[in-house]
Amino acid sequence: NHKRKVRIGAFFGPTPFDAQSLENDKGSDKWVRKSAGYVCPWFNCPTCDDREVNSELIWRFSDLKRGVESLSCSSENCNFSTNDDELILTRRSLTRSDRIPDILFTTTETLNTRISDLWSRHVFGIGVKSEQRPRYLLLDEIHTFEGASGAQNALTLRRWRKALGRTDQLHWVGLSATLD
């Protein structure tokens, strides 16, 4: 019985639309262009020692040109790399129905704008089979969900929950390193 790997994706401000747009824009303030490729703004190499200076994960130009979404460690002493079926780096790939991530990092602002977008709403579980819907919602920095911004976030999350339809399998988890 062959099971596929868990897929991870990120969908918020600095997520490029596709490889071509990253190249055309010559990176961004988040995806910094280096000699071998673009530095991923979200992850460092998980196998390198934390003290190692060159533990950035790079989307190499050779992979970009081939349309392969893969990251490789920038250290010469490390062979770590991700596969195209593990990590989704672009908005275009995120929206492909065969590549919807199992774990999606996003913001409530992105969620608010995308749940009504017919092009990408399925990434958030709207209009898909129940087994493709999210089962857990992890809310980081939950201690900041207060006041007017907390009320706005609550409205967005209620709107999303309503759009999902049946939500008895959705579990909400608040995370914070600074809760009193």
Protein backbone atom coordinates (compact mmCIF):
# COMPACT_ATOMS: atom_id res chain seq x y z
CA ASN A 1 0.00 0.00 0.00
CA HIS A 2 1.75 3.16 -1.24
CA LYS A 3 0.87 6.39 0.55
CA ARG A 4 1.93 9.78 -0.71
CA LYS A 5 4.06 12.21 1.28
CA VAL A 6 2.56 15.05 3.30
CA ARG A 7 2.50 18.28 1.25
CA ILE A 8 3.19 21.67 2.79
CA GLY A 9 2.35 25.03 1.26
CA ALA A 10 2.44 28.72 2.13
CA PHE A 11 -0.15 31.17 0.83
CA PHE A 12 0.33 34.77 1.90
CA GLY A 13 1.97 38.01 0.73
CA PRO A 14 5.42 36.84 -0.42
CA THR A 15 4.20 33.59 -2.04
CA PRO A 16 5.10 34.03 -5.74
CA PHE A 17 2.40 33.42 -8.35
CA ASP A 18 4.68 31.05 -10.28
CA ALA A 19 8.36 30.49 -11.07
CA GLN A 20 8.21 32.78 -14.09
CA SER A 21 6.87 35.71 -12.08
CA LEU A 22 9.63 35.26 -9.50
CA GLU A 23 12.21 35.42 -12.29
CA ASN A 24 10.52 38.33 -14.07
CA ASP A 25 10.31 40.35 -10.86
CA LYS A 26 13.91 39.40 -9.95
CA GLY A 27 12.75 38.27 -6.53
CA SER A 28 11.20 40.50 -3.94
CA ASP A 29 12.05 41.95 -0.59
CA LYS A 30 11.36 38.44 0.76
CA TRP A 31 12.77 36.13 -1.99
CA VAL A 32 16.32 37.47 -2.18
CA ARG A 33 18.26 36.70 -5.37
CA LYS A 34 21.68 35.08 -4.81
CA SER A 35 24.18 33.61 -7.28
CA ALA A 36 22.61 30.11 -7.26
CA GLY A 37 18.94 31.09 -7.02
CA TYR A 38 16.39 32.65 -4.67
CA VAL A 39 16.51 32.25 -0.89
CA CYS A 40 13.29 30.89 0.57
CA PRO A 41 12.08 33.39 3.20
CA TRP A 42 10.27 30.77 5.32
CA PHE A 43 12.70 27.94 6.06
CA ASN A 44 16.32 27.29 6.87
CA CYS A 45 17.94 23.93 6.27
CA PRO A 46 16.64 21.46 8.87
CA THR A 47 19.76 19.27 8.73
CA CYS A 48 22.47 21.90 9.16
CA ASP A 49 23.70 23.01 12.53
CA ASP A 50 21.94 26.19 13.68
CA ARG A 51 25.31 27.92 14.02
CA GLU A 52 26.19 27.31 10.37
CA VAL A 53 26.10 30.56 8.43
CA ASN A 54 25.09 29.13 5.04
CA SER A 55 22.05 27.08 5.93
CA GLU A 56 19.64 28.92 3.66
CA LEU A 57 17.32 26.97 1.42
CA ILE A 58 17.64 28.05 -2.20
CA TRP A 59 15.25 27.65 -5.12
CA ARG A 60 17.97 27.05 -7.68
CA PHE A 61 17.83 28.73 -11.09
CA SER A 62 18.14 25.31 -12.77
CA ASP A 63 14.99 24.11 -10.97
CA LEU A 64 13.17 27.38 -11.68
CA LYS A 65 13.82 27.04 -15.40
CA ARG A 66 12.49 23.46 -15.41
CA GLY A 67 9.41 24.47 -13.37
CA VAL A 68 10.46 22.23 -10.47
CA GLU A 69 9.52 23.54 -7.03
CA SER A 70 12.40 22.30 -4.94
CA LEU A 71 14.65 23.85 -2.31
CA SER A 72 18.29 22.91 -1.71
CA CYS A 73 20.61 23.81 1.13
CA SER A 74 23.12 26.52 0.26
CA SER A 75 25.88 24.87 2.31
CA GLU A 76 28.51 22.98 0.32
CA ASN A 77 28.67 20.42 3.14
CA CYS A 78 24.99 19.53 3.01
CA ASN A 79 22.99 17.55 0.47
CA PHE A 80 19.53 18.38 1.82
CA SER A 81 16.84 19.17 -0.72
CA THR A 82 13.08 18.98 -0.90
CA ASN A 83 11.14 17.17 -3.58
CA ASP A 84 8.53 18.72 -5.82
CA ASP A 85 5.82 16.64 -4.11
CA GLU A 86 6.65 17.76 -0.54
CA LEU A 87 6.73 21.54 -0.59
CA ILE A 88 4.56 23.80 -2.74
CA LEU A 89 6.20 27.14 -3.40
CA THR A 90 3.82 29.01 -5.74
CA ARG A 91 0.20 30.13 -5.82
CA ARG A 92 -0.33 28.49 -9.19
CA SER A 93 0.75 25.09 -7.82
CA LEU A 94 -1.30 25.55 -4.65
CA THR A 95 -4.45 25.90 -6.71
CA ARG A 96 -3.94 22.72 -8.73
CA SER A 97 -6.52 20.23 -7.47
CA ASP A 98 -3.94 17.41 -7.41
CA ARG A 99 -1.51 19.42 -5.26
CA ILE A 100 -3.65 20.96 -2.52
CA PRO A 101 -1.41 20.99 0.57
CA ASP A 102 -2.11 18.95 3.68
CA ILE A 103 -0.57 21.71 5.79
CA LEU A 104 -1.11 25.30 4.68
CA PHE A 105 0.54 28.31 6.27
CA THR A 106 -1.53 31.43 5.69
CA THR A 107 -2.83 34.54 7.40
CA THR A 108 -6.35 35.56 8.32
CA GLU A 109 -5.95 38.48 5.88
CA THR A 110 -5.22 36.06 3.01
CA LEU A 111 -8.03 33.79 4.13
CA ASN A 112 -10.43 36.74 4.18
CA THR A 113 -9.61 37.76 0.61
CA ARG A 114 -9.32 34.26 -0.88
CA ILE A 115 -12.42 32.47 0.43
CA SER A 116 -14.56 34.42 -2.04
CA ASP A 117 -12.05 33.98 -4.89
CA LEU A 118 -13.29 31.22 -7.21
CA TRP A 119 -9.73 30.61 -8.43
CA SER A 120 -8.26 29.72 -5.03
CA ARG A 121 -11.04 29.04 -2.52
CA HIS A 122 -10.66 25.25 -2.89
CA VAL A 123 -7.16 25.55 -1.37
CA PHE A 124 -8.97 26.49 1.86
CA GLY A 125 -11.36 23.54 1.61
CA ILE A 126 -14.34 25.37 0.09
CA GLY A 127 -16.28 23.46 -2.52
CA VAL A 128 -14.24 20.25 -2.22
CA LYS A 129 -14.99 16.75 -0.92
CA SER A 130 -15.09 16.45 2.85
CA GLU A 131 -11.87 14.39 2.94
CA GLN A 132 -10.05 17.31 1.27
CA ARG A 133 -11.22 19.87 3.81
CA PRO A 134 -8.98 21.05 6.61
CA ARG A 135 -9.29 19.19 9.88
CA TYR A 136 -7.22 21.52 12.06
CA LEU A 137 -6.88 25.27 12.19
CA LEU A 138 -3.76 26.42 14.03
CA LEU A 139 -3.98 30.04 15.12
CA ASP A 140 -0.51 31.30 15.96
CA GLU A 141 0.00 34.26 18.29
CA ILE A 142 -3.52 33.75 19.61
CA HIS A 143 -2.80 36.27 22.38
CA THR A 144 -2.97 39.02 19.72
CA PHE A 145 -6.57 38.14 18.80
CA GLU A 146 -8.17 40.85 20.90
CA GLY A 147 -9.85 44.20 20.38
CA ALA A 148 -10.96 45.34 16.92
CA SER A 149 -8.47 43.15 15.05
CA GLY A 150 -9.52 40.12 17.11
CA ALA A 151 -13.16 40.80 16.29
CA GLN A 152 -12.30 41.09 12.58
CA ASN A 153 -10.40 37.79 12.73
CA ALA A 154 -13.34 36.11 14.46
CA LEU A 155 -15.70 37.30 11.71
CA THR A 156 -13.33 36.01 9.02
CA LEU A 157 -13.05 32.63 10.72
CA ARG A 158 -16.83 32.36 11.11
CA ARG A 159 -17.28 33.23 7.44
CA TRP A 160 -14.75 30.53 6.49
CA ARG A 161 -16.39 27.96 8.76
CA LYS A 162 -19.79 28.72 7.18
CA ALA A 163 -18.32 28.41 3.65
CA LEU A 164 -16.86 25.01 4.54
CA GLY A 165 -20.30 23.67 5.34
CA ARG A 166 -20.22 20.71 7.70
CA THR A 167 -17.50 21.49 10.24
CA ASP A 168 -17.91 18.88 12.95
CA GLN A 169 -14.42 17.57 12.09
CA LEU A 170 -12.74 20.99 12.23
CA HIS A 171 -10.59 21.47 15.34
CA TRP A 172 -9.42 24.93 16.41
CA VAL A 173 -6.04 25.17 18.14
CA GLY A 174 -4.69 28.43 19.60
CA LEU A 175 -0.91 28.74 19.85
CA SER A 176 1.16 31.24 21.78
CA ALA A 177 4.52 31.30 23.50
CA THR A 178 3.47 34.25 25.66
CA LEU A 179 0.05 33.42 27.12
CA ASP A 180 -0.29 34.55 30.69
